[in-house]
């Protein structure tokens, strides 16, 4: 899948968010990269042979205080290569993109990996 089509799928996932969530996404940059770096995979503690589909880097809303300000935007990265590698069709890619976007947004809203698993987010 070409990058512009993949970008549209990410945009669709973001546009499908309820308005209340979209309003809370101030100071968040969503980007698409081909693959995570070795350093990113290592930093996340993944075992050999595993990779990232997405990555949230920033200060979750639940941890922001009155001193939060004048900071770089939080960053959500969606990795096109790994997403495509785990899917067999365009529809699977669309579904996986939505799942990964929602998962990383969950981290922005302060939801842990454990709680996301409990909620069935992956």
PDB file of N, CA and C in Angstrom:
ATOM      1  N   UNK A   1       0.864  -1.170   0.000  1.00  0.00           N
ATOM      2  CA  UNK A   1       0.000   0.000   0.000  1.00  0.00           C
ATOM      3  C   UNK A   1       0.907   1.228   0.000  1.00  0.00           C
ATOM      4  N   UNK A   2       0.555   2.215  -0.830  1.00  0.00           N
ATOM      5  CA  UNK A   2       1.406   3.402  -0.842  1.00  0.00           C
ATOM      6  C   UNK A   2       1.156   4.256   0.406  1.00  0.00           C
ATOM      7  N   UNK A   3       2.114   5.126   0.686  1.00  0.00           N
ATOM      8  CA  UNK A   3       2.069   5.903   1.929  1.00  0.00           C
ATOM      9  C   UNK A   3       0.848   6.819   1.997  1.00  0.00           C
ATOM     10  N   UNK A   4       0.459   7.419   0.895  1.00  0.00           N
ATOM     11  CA  UNK A   4      -0.689   8.341   0.949  1.00  0.00           C
ATOM     12  C   UNK A   4      -1.982   7.601   1.281  1.00  0.00           C
ATOM     13  N   UNK A   5      -2.146   6.383   0.782  1.00  0.00           N
ATOM     14  CA  UNK A   5      -3.338   5.587   1.120  1.00  0.00           C
ATOM     15  C   UNK A   5      -3.307   5.217   2.610  1.00  0.00           C
ATOM     16  N   UNK A   6      -2.151   4.842   3.092  1.00  0.00           N
ATOM     17  CA  UNK A   6      -2.002   4.501   4.509  1.00  0.00           C
ATOM     18  C   UNK A   6      -2.305   5.731   5.369  1.00  0.00           C
ATOM     19  N   UNK A   7      -1.811   6.888   4.961  1.00  0.00           N
ATOM     20  CA  UNK A   7      -2.094   8.134   5.690  1.00  0.00           C
ATOM     21  C   UNK A   7      -3.592   8.403   5.748  1.00  0.00           C
ATOM     22  N   UNK A   8      -4.295   8.123   4.667  1.00  0.00           N
ATOM     23  CA  UNK A   8      -5.757   8.322   4.657  1.00  0.00           C
ATOM     24  C   UNK A   8      -6.438   7.400   5.668  1.00  0.00           C
ATOM     25  N   UNK A   9      -5.934   6.166   5.789  1.00  0.00           N
ATOM     26  CA  UNK A   9      -6.522   5.247   6.771  1.00  0.00           C
ATOM     27  C   UNK A   9      -6.322   5.757   8.198  1.00  0.00           C
ATOM     28  N   UNK A  10      -5.141   6.307   8.464  1.00  0.00           N
ATOM     29  CA  UNK A  10      -4.883   6.888   9.790  1.00  0.00           C
ATOM     30  C   UNK A  10      -5.804   8.086  10.006  1.00  0.00           C
ATOM     31  N   UNK A  11      -5.954   8.933   9.002  1.00  0.00           N
ATOM     32  CA  UNK A  11      -6.848  10.095   9.110  1.00  0.00           C
ATOM     33  C   UNK A  11      -8.292   9.656   9.342  1.00  0.00           C
ATOM     34  N   UNK A  12      -8.724   8.614   8.652  1.00  0.00           N
ATOM     35  CA  UNK A  12     -10.085   8.091   8.861  1.00  0.00           C
ATOM     36  C   UNK A  12     -10.282   7.652  10.305  1.00  0.00           C
ATOM     37  N   UNK A  13      -9.290   6.954  10.848  1.00  0.00           N
ATOM     38  CA  UNK A  13      -9.390   6.497  12.240  1.00  0.00           C
ATOM     39  C   UNK A  13      -9.500   7.676  13.194  1.00  0.00           C
ATOM     40  N   UNK A  14      -8.713   8.708  12.958  1.00  0.00           N
ATOM     41  CA  UNK A  14      -8.765   9.897  13.811  1.00  0.00           C
ATOM     42  C   UNK A  14     -10.091  10.637  13.651  1.00  0.00           C
ATOM     43  N   UNK A  15     -10.564  10.743  12.419  1.00  0.00           N
ATOM     44  CA  UNK A  15     -11.827  11.435  12.160  1.00  0.00           C
ATOM     45  C   UNK A  15     -13.020  10.704  12.747  1.00  0.00           C
ATOM     46  N   UNK A  16     -12.881   9.401  12.988  1.00  0.00           N
ATOM     47  CA  UNK A  16     -13.995   8.621  13.513  1.00  0.00           C
ATOM     48  C   UNK A  16     -14.153   8.762  15.031  1.00  0.00           C
ATOM     49  N   UNK A  17     -13.198   9.436  15.653  1.00  0.00           N
ATOM     50  CA  UNK A  17     -13.280   9.637  17.103  1.00  0.00           C
ATOM     51  C   UNK A  17     -14.468  10.516  17.455  1.00  0.00           C
ATOM     52  N   UNK A  18     -15.120  10.236  18.576  1.00  0.00           N
ATOM     53  CA  UNK A  18     -16.167  11.147  19.044  1.00  0.00           C
ATOM     54  C   UNK A  18     -15.582  12.549  19.260  1.00  0.00           C
ATOM     55  N   UNK A  19     -16.401  13.536  19.048  1.00  0.00           N
ATOM     56  CA  UNK A  19     -15.980  14.946  19.146  1.00  0.00           C
ATOM     57  C   UNK A  19     -15.303  15.248  20.489  1.00  0.00           C
ATOM     58  N   UNK A  20     -15.811  14.656  21.575  1.00  0.00           N
ATOM     59  CA  UNK A  20     -15.249  14.923  22.902  1.00  0.00           C
ATOM     60  C   UNK A  20     -13.780  14.515  22.975  1.00  0.00           C
ATOM     61  N   UNK A  21     -13.425  13.421  22.297  1.00  0.00           N
ATOM     62  CA  UNK A  21     -12.034  12.966  22.303  1.00  0.00           C
ATOM     63  C   UNK A  21     -11.181  13.834  21.382  1.00  0.00           C
ATOM     64  N   UNK A  22     -11.734  14.203  20.235  1.00  0.00           N
ATOM     65  CA  UNK A  22     -10.987  15.058  19.308  1.00  0.00           C
ATOM     66  C   UNK A  22     -10.618  16.375  19.977  1.00  0.00           C
ATOM     67  N   UNK A  23     -11.519  16.913  20.783  1.00  0.00           N
ATOM     68  CA  UNK A  23     -11.253  18.169  21.480  1.00  0.00           C
ATOM     69  C   UNK A  23     -10.084  18.048  22.462  1.00  0.00           C
ATOM     70  N   UNK A  24      -9.844  16.871  22.987  1.00  0.00           N
ATOM     71  CA  UNK A  24      -8.802  16.661  23.995  1.00  0.00           C
ATOM     72  C   UNK A  24      -7.455  16.315  23.376  1.00  0.00           C
ATOM     73  N   UNK A  25      -7.367  16.376  22.074  1.00  0.00           N
ATOM     74  CA  UNK A  25      -6.125  16.009  21.392  1.00  0.00           C
ATOM     75  C   UNK A  25      -5.293  17.230  21.030  1.00  0.00           C
ATOM     76  N   UNK A  26      -5.240  18.182  21.922  1.00  0.00           N
ATOM     77  CA  UNK A  26      -4.394  19.343  21.702  1.00  0.00           C
ATOM     78  C   UNK A  26      -2.945  18.968  21.961  1.00  0.00           C
ATOM     79  N   UNK A  27      -2.071  19.520  21.176  1.00  0.00           N
ATOM     80  CA  UNK A  27      -0.636  19.309  21.347  1.00  0.00           C
ATOM     81  C   UNK A  27      -0.235  17.844  21.134  1.00  0.00           C
ATOM     82  N   UNK A  28      -0.868  17.210  20.137  1.00  0.00           N
ATOM     83  CA  UNK A  28      -0.557  15.830  19.764  1.00  0.00           C
ATOM     84  C   UNK A  28      -0.268  15.796  18.275  1.00  0.00           C
ATOM     85  N   UNK A  29       0.871  15.242  17.916  1.00  0.00           N
ATOM     86  CA  UNK A  29       1.267  15.101  16.523  1.00  0.00           C
ATOM     87  C   UNK A  29       1.191  13.619  16.163  1.00  0.00           C
ATOM     88  N   UNK A  30       0.406  13.277  15.147  1.00  0.00           N
ATOM     89  CA  UNK A  30       0.301  11.892  14.695  1.00  0.00           C
ATOM     90  C   UNK A  30       1.084  11.781  13.390  1.00  0.00           C
ATOM     91  N   UNK A  31       2.067  10.876  13.389  1.00  0.00           N
ATOM     92  CA  UNK A  31       2.931  10.719  12.215  1.00  0.00           C
ATOM     93  C   UNK A  31       2.980   9.254  11.791  1.00  0.00           C
ATOM     94  N   UNK A  32       3.400   9.048  10.571  1.00  0.00           N
ATOM     95  CA  UNK A  32       3.558   7.703  10.030  1.00  0.00           C
ATOM     96  C   UNK A  32       5.013   7.521   9.645  1.00  0.00           C
ATOM     97  N   UNK A  33       5.569   6.420  10.105  1.00  0.00           N
ATOM     98  CA  UNK A  33       6.937   6.039   9.760  1.00  0.00           C
ATOM     99  C   UNK A  33       6.878   4.656   9.137  1.00  0.00           C
ATOM    100  N   UNK A  34       7.904   4.329   8.359  1.00  0.00           N
ATOM    101  CA  UNK A  34       7.936   3.011   7.727  1.00  0.00           C
ATOM    102  C   UNK A  34       8.112   1.913   8.765  1.00  0.00           C
ATOM    103  N   UNK A  35       9.123   2.024   9.615  1.00  0.00           N
ATOM    104  CA  UNK A  35       9.453   1.008  10.621  1.00  0.00           C
ATOM    105  C   UNK A  35       9.998   1.692  11.859  1.00  0.00           C
ATOM    106  N   UNK A  36       9.838   1.061  13.032  1.00  0.00           N
ATOM    107  CA  UNK A  36      10.478   1.611  14.231  1.00  0.00           C
ATOM    108  C   UNK A  36      11.980   1.373  14.168  1.00  0.00           C
ATOM    109  N   UNK A  37      12.721   2.220  14.848  1.00  0.00           N
ATOM    110  CA  UNK A  37      14.167   2.030  14.920  1.00  0.00           C
ATOM    111  C   UNK A  37      14.493   0.903  15.901  1.00  0.00           C
ATOM    112  N   UNK A  38      15.684   0.363  15.791  1.00  0.00           N
ATOM    113  CA  UNK A  38      16.121  -0.665  16.749  1.00  0.00           C
ATOM    114  C   UNK A  38      16.104  -0.112  18.159  1.00  0.00           C
ATOM    115  N   UNK A  39      16.497   1.151  18.284  1.00  0.00           N
ATOM    116  CA  UNK A  39      16.516   1.788  19.608  1.00  0.00           C
ATOM    117  C   UNK A  39      15.108   1.868  20.197  1.00  0.00           C
ATOM    118  N   UNK A  40      14.122   2.219  19.401  1.00  0.00           N
ATOM    119  CA  UNK A  40      12.742   2.289  19.898  1.00  0.00           C
ATOM    120  C   UNK A  40      12.265   0.911  20.363  1.00  0.00           C
ATOM    121  N   UNK A  41      12.538  -0.109  19.573  1.00  0.00           N
ATOM    122  CA  UNK A  41      12.131  -1.469  19.930  1.00  0.00           C
ATOM    123  C   UNK A  41      12.841  -1.900  21.217  1.00  0.00           C
ATOM    124  N   UNK A  42      14.131  -1.618  21.311  1.00  0.00           N
ATOM    125  CA  UNK A  42      14.898  -1.965  22.515  1.00  0.00           C
ATOM    126  C   UNK A  42      14.361  -1.224  23.736  1.00  0.00           C
ATOM    127  N   UNK A  43      14.130   0.087  23.573  1.00  0.00           N
ATOM    128  CA  UNK A  43      13.649   0.910  24.675  1.00  0.00           C
ATOM    129  C   UNK A  43      12.300   0.424  25.211  1.00  0.00           C
ATOM    130  N   UNK A  44      11.488  -0.161  24.341  1.00  0.00           N
ATOM    131  CA  UNK A  44      10.177  -0.668  24.756  1.00  0.00           C
ATOM    132  C   UNK A  44      10.269  -2.071  25.349  1.00  0.00           C
ATOM    133  N   UNK A  45      11.483  -2.652  25.348  1.00  0.00           N
ATOM    134  CA  UNK A  45      11.694  -3.940  25.988  1.00  0.00           C
ATOM    135  C   UNK A  45      11.124  -5.128  25.232  1.00  0.00           C
ATOM    136  N   UNK A  46      10.999  -5.010  23.936  1.00  0.00           N
ATOM    137  CA  UNK A  46      10.452  -6.118  23.152  1.00  0.00           C
ATOM    138  C   UNK A  46      11.512  -7.192  22.911  1.00  0.00           C
ATOM    139  N   UNK A  47      11.116  -8.440  22.937  1.00  0.00           N
ATOM    140  CA  UNK A  47      12.074  -9.516  22.674  1.00  0.00           C
ATOM    141  C   UNK A  47      12.448  -9.566  21.199  1.00  0.00           C
ATOM    142  N   UNK A  48      13.557 -10.225  20.885  1.00  0.00           N
ATOM    143  CA  UNK A  48      13.966 -10.360  19.476  1.00  0.00           C
ATOM    144  C   UNK A  48      12.840 -10.961  18.635  1.00  0.00           C
ATOM    145  N   UNK A  49      12.680 -10.427  17.444  1.00  0.00           N
ATOM    146  CA  UNK A  49      11.651 -10.917  16.535  1.00  0.00           C
ATOM    147  C   UNK A  49      10.329 -10.192  16.647  1.00  0.00           C
ATOM    148  N   UNK A  50      10.147  -9.384  17.682  1.00  0.00           N
ATOM    149  CA  UNK A  50       8.916  -8.599  17.821  1.00  0.00           C
ATOM    150  C   UNK A  50       9.201  -7.159  17.445  1.00  0.00           C
ATOM    151  N   UNK A  51       8.154  -6.446  17.080  1.00  0.00           N
ATOM    152  CA  UNK A  51       8.318  -5.050  16.702  1.00  0.00           C
ATOM    153  C   UNK A  51       7.118  -4.242  17.174  1.00  0.00           C
ATOM    154  N   UNK A  52       7.153  -2.967  16.930  1.00  0.00           N
ATOM    155  CA  UNK A  52       6.080  -2.053  17.316  1.00  0.00           C
ATOM    156  C   UNK A  52       5.169  -1.781  16.127  1.00  0.00           C
ATOM    157  N   UNK A  53       3.882  -1.691  16.387  1.00  0.00           N
ATOM    158  CA  UNK A  53       2.929  -1.241  15.373  1.00  0.00           C
ATOM    159  C   UNK A  53       2.684   0.256  15.514  1.00  0.00           C
ATOM    160  N   UNK A  54       2.814   0.738  16.745  1.00  0.00           N
ATOM    161  CA  UNK A  54       2.628   2.151  17.030  1.00  0.00           C
ATOM    162  C   UNK A  54       3.364   2.502  18.302  1.00  0.00           C
ATOM    163  N   UNK A  55       3.526   3.800  18.539  1.00  0.00           N
ATOM    164  CA  UNK A  55       4.254   4.252  19.727  1.00  0.00           C
ATOM    165  C   UNK A  55       3.728   5.613  20.155  1.00  0.00           C
ATOM    166  N   UNK A  56       3.414   5.727  21.445  1.00  0.00           N
ATOM    167  CA  UNK A  56       3.032   7.012  22.033  1.00  0.00           C
ATOM    168  C   UNK A  56       4.213   7.535  22.826  1.00  0.00           C
ATOM    169  N   UNK A  57       4.585   8.776  22.570  1.00  0.00           N
ATOM    170  CA  UNK A  57       5.648   9.434  23.319  1.00  0.00           C
ATOM    171  C   UNK A  57       5.110  10.790  23.781  1.00  0.00           C
ATOM    172  N   UNK A  58       5.057  10.968  25.077  1.00  0.00           N
ATOM    173  CA  UNK A  58       4.562  12.235  25.581  1.00  0.00           C
ATOM    174  C   UNK A  58       4.146  12.144  27.033  1.00  0.00           C
ATOM    175  N   UNK A  59       3.369  13.116  27.459  1.00  0.00           N
ATOM    176  CA  UNK A  59       2.864  13.186  28.825  1.00  0.00           C
ATOM    177  C   UNK A  59       1.361  12.927  28.765  1.00  0.00           C
ATOM    178  N   UNK A  60       0.903  11.784  29.274  1.00  0.00           N
ATOM    179  CA  UNK A  60      -0.525  11.484  29.240  1.00  0.00           C
ATOM    180  C   UNK A  60      -1.344  12.575  29.935  1.00  0.00           C
ATOM    181  N   UNK A  61      -2.572  12.752  29.477  1.00  0.00           N
ATOM    182  CA  UNK A  61      -3.433  13.781  30.058  1.00  0.00           C
ATOM    183  C   UNK A  61      -3.588  13.607  31.565  1.00  0.00           C
ATOM    184  N   UNK A  62      -3.593  12.374  32.031  1.00  0.00           N
ATOM    185  CA  UNK A  62      -3.780  12.109  33.461  1.00  0.00           C
ATOM    186  C   UNK A  62      -2.574  12.494  34.305  1.00  0.00           C
ATOM    187  N   UNK A  63      -1.443  12.765  33.663  1.00  0.00           N
ATOM    188  CA  UNK A  63      -0.226  13.129  34.400  1.00  0.00           C
ATOM    189  C   UNK A  63       0.133  14.609  34.249  1.00  0.00           C
ATOM    190  N   UNK A  64      -0.656  15.333  33.505  1.00  0.00           N
ATOM    191  CA  UNK A  64      -0.356  16.756  33.311  1.00  0.00           C
ATOM    192  C   UNK A  64      -0.834  17.553  34.510  1.00  0.00           C
ATOM    193  N   UNK A  65       0.003  18.494  34.897  1.00  0.00           N
ATOM    194  CA  UNK A  65      -0.335  19.362  36.020  1.00  0.00           C
ATOM    195  C   UNK A  65      -0.460  20.792  35.514  1.00  0.00           C
ATOM    196  N   UNK A  66      -0.661  21.714  36.434  1.00  0.00           N
ATOM    197  CA  UNK A  66      -0.763  23.127  36.059  1.00  0.00           C
ATOM    198  C   UNK A  66       0.562  23.642  35.502  1.00  0.00           C
ATOM    199  N   UNK A  67       1.645  22.924  35.723  1.00  0.00           N
ATOM    200  CA  UNK A  67       2.957  23.324  35.196  1.00  0.00           C
ATOM    201  C   UNK A  67       3.188  22.850  33.762  1.00  0.00           C
ATOM    202  N   UNK A  68       2.243  22.062  33.235  1.00  0.00           N
ATOM    203  CA  UNK A  68       2.388  21.567  31.863  1.00  0.00           C
ATOM    204  C   UNK A  68       2.199  22.748  30.908  1.00  0.00           C
ATOM    205  N   UNK A  69       3.177  22.994  30.099  1.00  0.00           N
ATOM    206  CA  UNK A  69       3.090  24.069  29.121  1.00  0.00           C
ATOM    207  C   UNK A  69       4.439  24.281  28.468  1.00  0.00           C
ATOM    208  N   UNK A  70       4.429  24.913  27.322  1.00  0.00           N
ATOM    209  CA  UNK A  70       5.651  25.212  26.583  1.00  0.00           C
ATOM    210  C   UNK A  70       6.465  23.940  26.339  1.00  0.00           C
ATOM    211  N   UNK A  71       5.781  22.877  25.981  1.00  0.00           N
ATOM    212  CA  UNK A  71       6.454  21.607  25.696  1.00  0.00           C
ATOM    213  C   UNK A  71       6.192  21.216  24.246  1.00  0.00           C
ATOM    214  N   UNK A  72       7.065  20.391  23.733  1.00  0.00           N
ATOM    215  CA  UNK A  72       6.855  19.871  22.390  1.00  0.00           C
ATOM    216  C   UNK A  72       5.592  19.024  22.373  1.00  0.00           C
ATOM    217  N   UNK A  73       4.958  18.888  21.220  1.00  0.00           N
ATOM    218  CA  UNK A  73       3.741  18.062  21.163  1.00  0.00           C
ATOM    219  C   UNK A  73       4.034  16.606  21.518  1.00  0.00           C
ATOM    220  N   UNK A  74       3.027  15.961  22.112  1.00  0.00           N
ATOM    221  CA  UNK A  74       3.092  14.513  22.246  1.00  0.00           C
ATOM    222  C   UNK A  74       3.166  13.964  20.825  1.00  0.00           C
ATOM    223  N   UNK A  75       3.693  12.760  20.708  1.00  0.00           N
ATOM    224  CA  UNK A  75       3.864  12.180  19.373  1.00  0.00           C
ATOM    225  C   UNK A  75       3.297  10.763  19.364  1.00  0.00           C
ATOM    226  N   UNK A  76       2.414  10.513  18.424  1.00  0.00           N
ATOM    227  CA  UNK A  76       1.916   9.171  18.170  1.00  0.00           C
ATOM    228  C   UNK A  76       2.445   8.777  16.800  1.00  0.00           C
ATOM    229  N   UNK A  77       3.202   7.683  16.761  1.00  0.00           N
ATOM    230  CA  UNK A  77       3.756   7.190  15.508  1.00  0.00           C
ATOM    231  C   UNK A  77       3.077   5.879  15.164  1.00  0.00           C
ATOM    232  N   UNK A  78       2.602   5.786  13.938  1.00  0.00           N
ATOM    233  CA  UNK A  78       2.028   4.551  13.413  1.00  0.00           C
ATOM    234  C   UNK A  78       3.031   4.013  12.392  1.00  0.00           C
ATOM    235  N   UNK A  79       3.420   2.746  12.554  1.00  0.00           N
ATOM    236  CA  UNK A  79       4.449   2.150  11.695  1.00  0.00           C
ATOM    237  C   UNK A  79       3.803   1.330  10.584  1.00  0.00           C
ATOM    238  N   UNK A  80       3.922   1.836   9.373  1.00  0.00           N
ATOM    239  CA  UNK A  80       3.265   1.236   8.226  1.00  0.00           C
ATOM    240  C   UNK A  80       3.764  -0.183   7.929  1.00  0.00           C
ATOM    241  N   UNK A  81       5.061  -0.389   7.916  1.00  0.00           N
ATOM    242  CA  UNK A  81       5.612  -1.698   7.567  1.00  0.00           C
ATOM    243  C   UNK A  81       5.113  -2.819   8.464  1.00  0.00           C
ATOM    244  N   UNK A  82       5.237  -2.682   9.776  1.00  0.00           N
ATOM    245  CA  UNK A  82       4.751  -3.741  10.662  1.00  0.00           C
ATOM    246  C   UNK A  82       3.243  -3.968  10.579  1.00  0.00           C
ATOM    247  N   UNK A  83       2.480  -2.889  10.413  1.00  0.00           N
ATOM    248  CA  UNK A  83       1.025  -3.051  10.282  1.00  0.00           C
ATOM    249  C   UNK A  83       0.707  -3.870   9.035  1.00  0.00           C
ATOM    250  N   UNK A  84       1.315  -3.513   7.919  1.00  0.00           N
ATOM    251  CA  UNK A  84       1.052  -4.243   6.682  1.00  0.00           C
ATOM    252  C   UNK A  84       1.530  -5.693   6.782  1.00  0.00           C
ATOM    253  N   UNK A  85       2.653  -5.907   7.472  1.00  0.00           N
ATOM    254  CA  UNK A  85       3.226  -7.250   7.565  1.00  0.00           C
ATOM    255  C   UNK A  85       2.320  -8.221   8.326  1.00  0.00           C
ATOM    256  N   UNK A  86       1.496  -7.718   9.216  1.00  0.00           N
ATOM    257  CA  UNK A  86       0.637  -8.618   9.995  1.00  0.00           C
ATOM    258  C   UNK A  86      -0.767  -8.746   9.407  1.00  0.00           C
ATOM    259  N   UNK A  87      -0.986  -8.165   8.243  1.00  0.00           N
ATOM    260  CA  UNK A  87      -2.304  -8.199   7.604  1.00  0.00           C
ATOM    261  C   UNK A  87      -2.230  -8.849   6.227  1.00  0.00           C
ATOM    262  N   UNK A  88      -3.371  -9.398   5.798  1.00  0.00           N
ATOM    263  CA  UNK A  88      -3.406 -10.063   4.499  1.00  0.00           C
ATOM    264  C   UNK A  88      -4.237  -9.347   3.449  1.00  0.00           C
ATOM    265  N   UNK A  89      -4.965  -8.315   3.838  1.00  0.00           N
ATOM    266  CA  UNK A  89      -5.819  -7.615   2.874  1.00  0.00           C
ATOM    267  C   UNK A  89      -5.919  -6.140   3.255  1.00  0.00           C
ATOM    268  N   UNK A  90      -6.427  -5.369   2.331  1.00  0.00           N
ATOM    269  CA  UNK A  90      -6.629  -3.938   2.592  1.00  0.00           C
ATOM    270  C   UNK A  90      -7.599  -3.718   3.745  1.00  0.00           C
ATOM    271  N   UNK A  91      -8.619  -4.559   3.817  1.00  0.00           N
ATOM    272  CA  UNK A  91      -9.587  -4.418   4.915  1.00  0.00           C
ATOM    273  C   UNK A  91      -8.951  -4.747   6.263  1.00  0.00           C
ATOM    274  N   UNK A  92      -8.087  -5.759   6.293  1.00  0.00           N
ATOM    275  CA  UNK A  92      -7.374  -6.064   7.538  1.00  0.00           C
ATOM    276  C   UNK A  92      -6.467  -4.901   7.926  1.00  0.00           C
ATOM    277  N   UNK A  93      -5.822  -4.285   6.942  1.00  0.00           N
ATOM    278  CA  UNK A  93      -4.959  -3.132   7.228  1.00  0.00           C
ATOM    279  C   UNK A  93      -5.788  -2.007   7.804  1.00  0.00           C
ATOM    280  N   UNK A  94      -6.942  -1.719   7.206  1.00  0.00           N
ATOM    281  CA  UNK A  94      -7.825  -0.657   7.717  1.00  0.00           C
ATOM    282  C   UNK A  94      -8.194  -0.936   9.174  1.00  0.00           C
ATOM    283  N   UNK A  95      -8.591  -2.154   9.471  1.00  0.00           N
ATOM    284  CA  UNK A  95      -8.987  -2.521  10.822  1.00  0.00           C
ATOM    285  C   UNK A  95      -7.814  -2.418  11.796  1.00  0.00           C
ATOM    286  N   UNK A  96      -6.655  -2.899  11.380  1.00  0.00           N
ATOM    287  CA  UNK A  96      -5.466  -2.863  12.246  1.00  0.00           C
ATOM    288  C   UNK A  96      -5.023  -1.420  12.492  1.00  0.00           C
ATOM    289  N   UNK A  97      -5.072  -0.574  11.465  1.00  0.00           N
ATOM    290  CA  UNK A  97      -4.718   0.842  11.636  1.00  0.00           C
ATOM    291  C   UNK A  97      -5.620   1.465  12.690  1.00  0.00           C
ATOM    292  N   UNK A  98      -6.913   1.220  12.587  1.00  0.00           N
ATOM    293  CA  UNK A  98      -7.852   1.791  13.560  1.00  0.00           C
ATOM    294  C   UNK A  98      -7.517   1.282  14.967  1.00  0.00           C
ATOM    295  N   UNK A  99      -7.249  -0.003  15.089  1.00  0.00           N
ATOM    296  CA  UNK A  99      -6.911  -0.587  16.389  1.00  0.00           C
ATOM    297  C   UNK A  99      -5.648   0.052  16.971  1.00  0.00           C
ATOM    298  N   UNK A 100      -4.616   0.209  16.148  1.00  0.00           N
ATOM    299  CA  UNK A 100      -3.348   0.777  16.623  1.00  0.00           C
ATOM    300  C   UNK A 100      -3.527   2.247  16.996  1.00  0.00           C
ATOM    301  N   UNK A 101      -4.238   2.999  16.173  1.00  0.00           N
ATOM    302  CA  UNK A 101      -4.489   4.414  16.483  1.00  0.00           C
ATOM    303  C   UNK A 101      -5.228   4.528  17.817  1.00  0.00           C
ATOM    304  N   UNK A 102      -6.271   3.728  18.009  1.00  0.00           N
ATOM    305  CA  UNK A 102      -7.038   3.786  19.256  1.00  0.00           C
ATOM    306  C   UNK A 102      -6.184   3.370  20.453  1.00  0.00           C
ATOM    307  N   UNK A 103      -5.335   2.370  20.256  1.00  0.00           N
ATOM    308  CA  UNK A 103      -4.449   1.932  21.329  1.00  0.00           C
ATOM    309  C   UNK A 103      -3.502   3.058  21.761  1.00  0.00           C
ATOM    310  N   UNK A 104      -2.863   3.693  20.798  1.00  0.00           N
ATOM    311  CA  UNK A 104      -1.917   4.767  21.131  1.00  0.00           C
ATOM    312  C   UNK A 104      -2.643   5.974  21.716  1.00  0.00           C
ATOM    313  N   UNK A 105      -3.839   6.267  21.230  1.00  0.00           N
ATOM    314  CA  UNK A 105      -4.637   7.349  21.825  1.00  0.00           C
ATOM    315  C   UNK A 105      -5.014   7.007  23.265  1.00  0.00           C
ATOM    316  N   UNK A 106      -5.235   5.733  23.522  1.00  0.00           N
ATOM    317  CA  UNK A 106      -5.507   5.313  24.896  1.00  0.00           C
ATOM    318  C   UNK A 106      -4.380   5.713  25.820  1.00  0.00           C
ATOM    319  N   UNK A 107      -3.136   5.553  25.358  1.00  0.00           N
ATOM    320  CA  UNK A 107      -1.992   5.977  26.172  1.00  0.00           C
ATOM    321  C   UNK A 107      -2.001   7.491  26.376  1.00  0.00           C
ATOM    322  N   UNK A 108      -2.359   8.250  25.351  1.00  0.00           N
ATOM    323  CA  UNK A 108      -2.455   9.709  25.486  1.00  0.00           C
ATOM    324  C   UNK A 108      -3.465  10.078  26.584  1.00  0.00           C
ATOM    325  N   UNK A 109      -4.538   9.295  26.669  1.00  0.00           N
ATOM    326  CA  UNK A 109      -5.562   9.556  27.669  1.00  0.00           C
ATOM    327  C   UNK A 109      -5.239   8.903  29.017  1.00  0.00           C
ATOM    328  N   UNK A 110      -4.047   8.295  29.125  1.00  0.00           N
ATOM    329  CA  UNK A 110      -3.583   7.777  30.402  1.00  0.00           C
ATOM    330  C   UNK A 110      -3.978   6.348  30.701  1.00  0.00           C
ATOM    331  N   UNK A 111      -4.359   5.578  29.693  1.00  0.00           N
ATOM    332  CA  UNK A 111      -4.761   4.197  29.908  1.00  0.00           C
ATOM    333  C   UNK A 111      -3.546   3.287  29.709  1.00  0.00           C
ATOM    334  N   UNK A 112      -3.284   2.419  30.673  1.00  0.00           N
ATOM    335  CA  UNK A 112      -2.119   1.533  30.632  1.00  0.00           C
ATOM    336  C   UNK A 112      -2.337   0.390  29.632  1.00  0.00           C
ATOM    337  N   UNK A 113      -1.236  -0.266  29.257  1.00  0.00           N
ATOM    338  CA  UNK A 113      -1.328  -1.443  28.387  1.00  0.00           C
ATOM    339  C   UNK A 113      -2.207  -2.520  29.020  1.00  0.00           C
ATOM    340  N   UNK A 114      -2.048  -2.727  30.313  1.00  0.00           N
ATOM    341  CA  UNK A 114      -2.834  -3.751  31.000  1.00  0.00           C
ATOM    342  C   UNK A 114      -4.326  -3.448  30.904  1.00  0.00           C
ATOM    343  N   UNK A 115      -4.693  -2.197  31.145  1.00  0.00           N
ATOM    344  CA  UNK A 115      -6.113  -1.812  31.071  1.00  0.00           C
ATOM    345  C   UNK A 115      -6.621  -1.891  29.638  1.00  0.00           C
ATOM    346  N   UNK A 116      -5.799  -1.508  28.668  1.00  0.00           N
ATOM    347  CA  UNK A 116      -6.203  -1.631  27.262  1.00  0.00           C
ATOM    348  C   UNK A 116      -6.461  -3.089  26.907  1.00  0.00           C
ATOM    349  N   UNK A 117      -5.642  -4.014  27.436  1.00  0.00           N
ATOM    350  CA  UNK A 117      -5.872  -5.450  27.212  1.00  0.00           C
ATOM    351  C   UNK A 117      -7.212  -5.853  27.824  1.00  0.00           C
ATOM    352  N   UNK A 118      -7.469  -5.389  29.056  1.00  0.00           N
ATOM    353  CA  UNK A 118      -8.735  -5.707  29.727  1.00  0.00           C
ATOM    354  C   UNK A 118      -9.934  -5.200  28.926  1.00  0.00           C
ATOM    355  N   UNK A 119      -9.772  -4.067  28.292  1.00  0.00           N
ATOM    356  CA  UNK A 119     -10.840  -3.462  27.500  1.00  0.00           C
ATOM    357  C   UNK A 119     -10.982  -4.093  26.112  1.00  0.00           C
ATOM    358  N   UNK A 120     -10.046  -5.004  25.782  1.00  0.00           N
ATOM    359  CA  UNK A 120     -10.103  -5.662  24.485  1.00  0.00           C
ATOM    360  C   UNK A 120      -9.551  -4.823  23.368  1.00  0.00           C
ATOM    361  N   UNK A 121      -8.679  -3.865  23.707  1.00  0.00           N
ATOM    362  CA  UNK A 121      -8.130  -2.961  22.694  1.00  0.00           C
ATOM    363  C   UNK A 121      -7.069  -3.642  21.842  1.00  0.00           C
ATOM    364  N   UNK A 122      -6.600  -4.825  22.267  1.00  0.00           N
ATOM    365  CA  UNK A 122      -5.679  -5.632  21.454  1.00  0.00           C
ATOM    366  C   UNK A 122      -5.504  -6.991  22.026  1.00  0.00           C
TER     367      UNK A 122
END
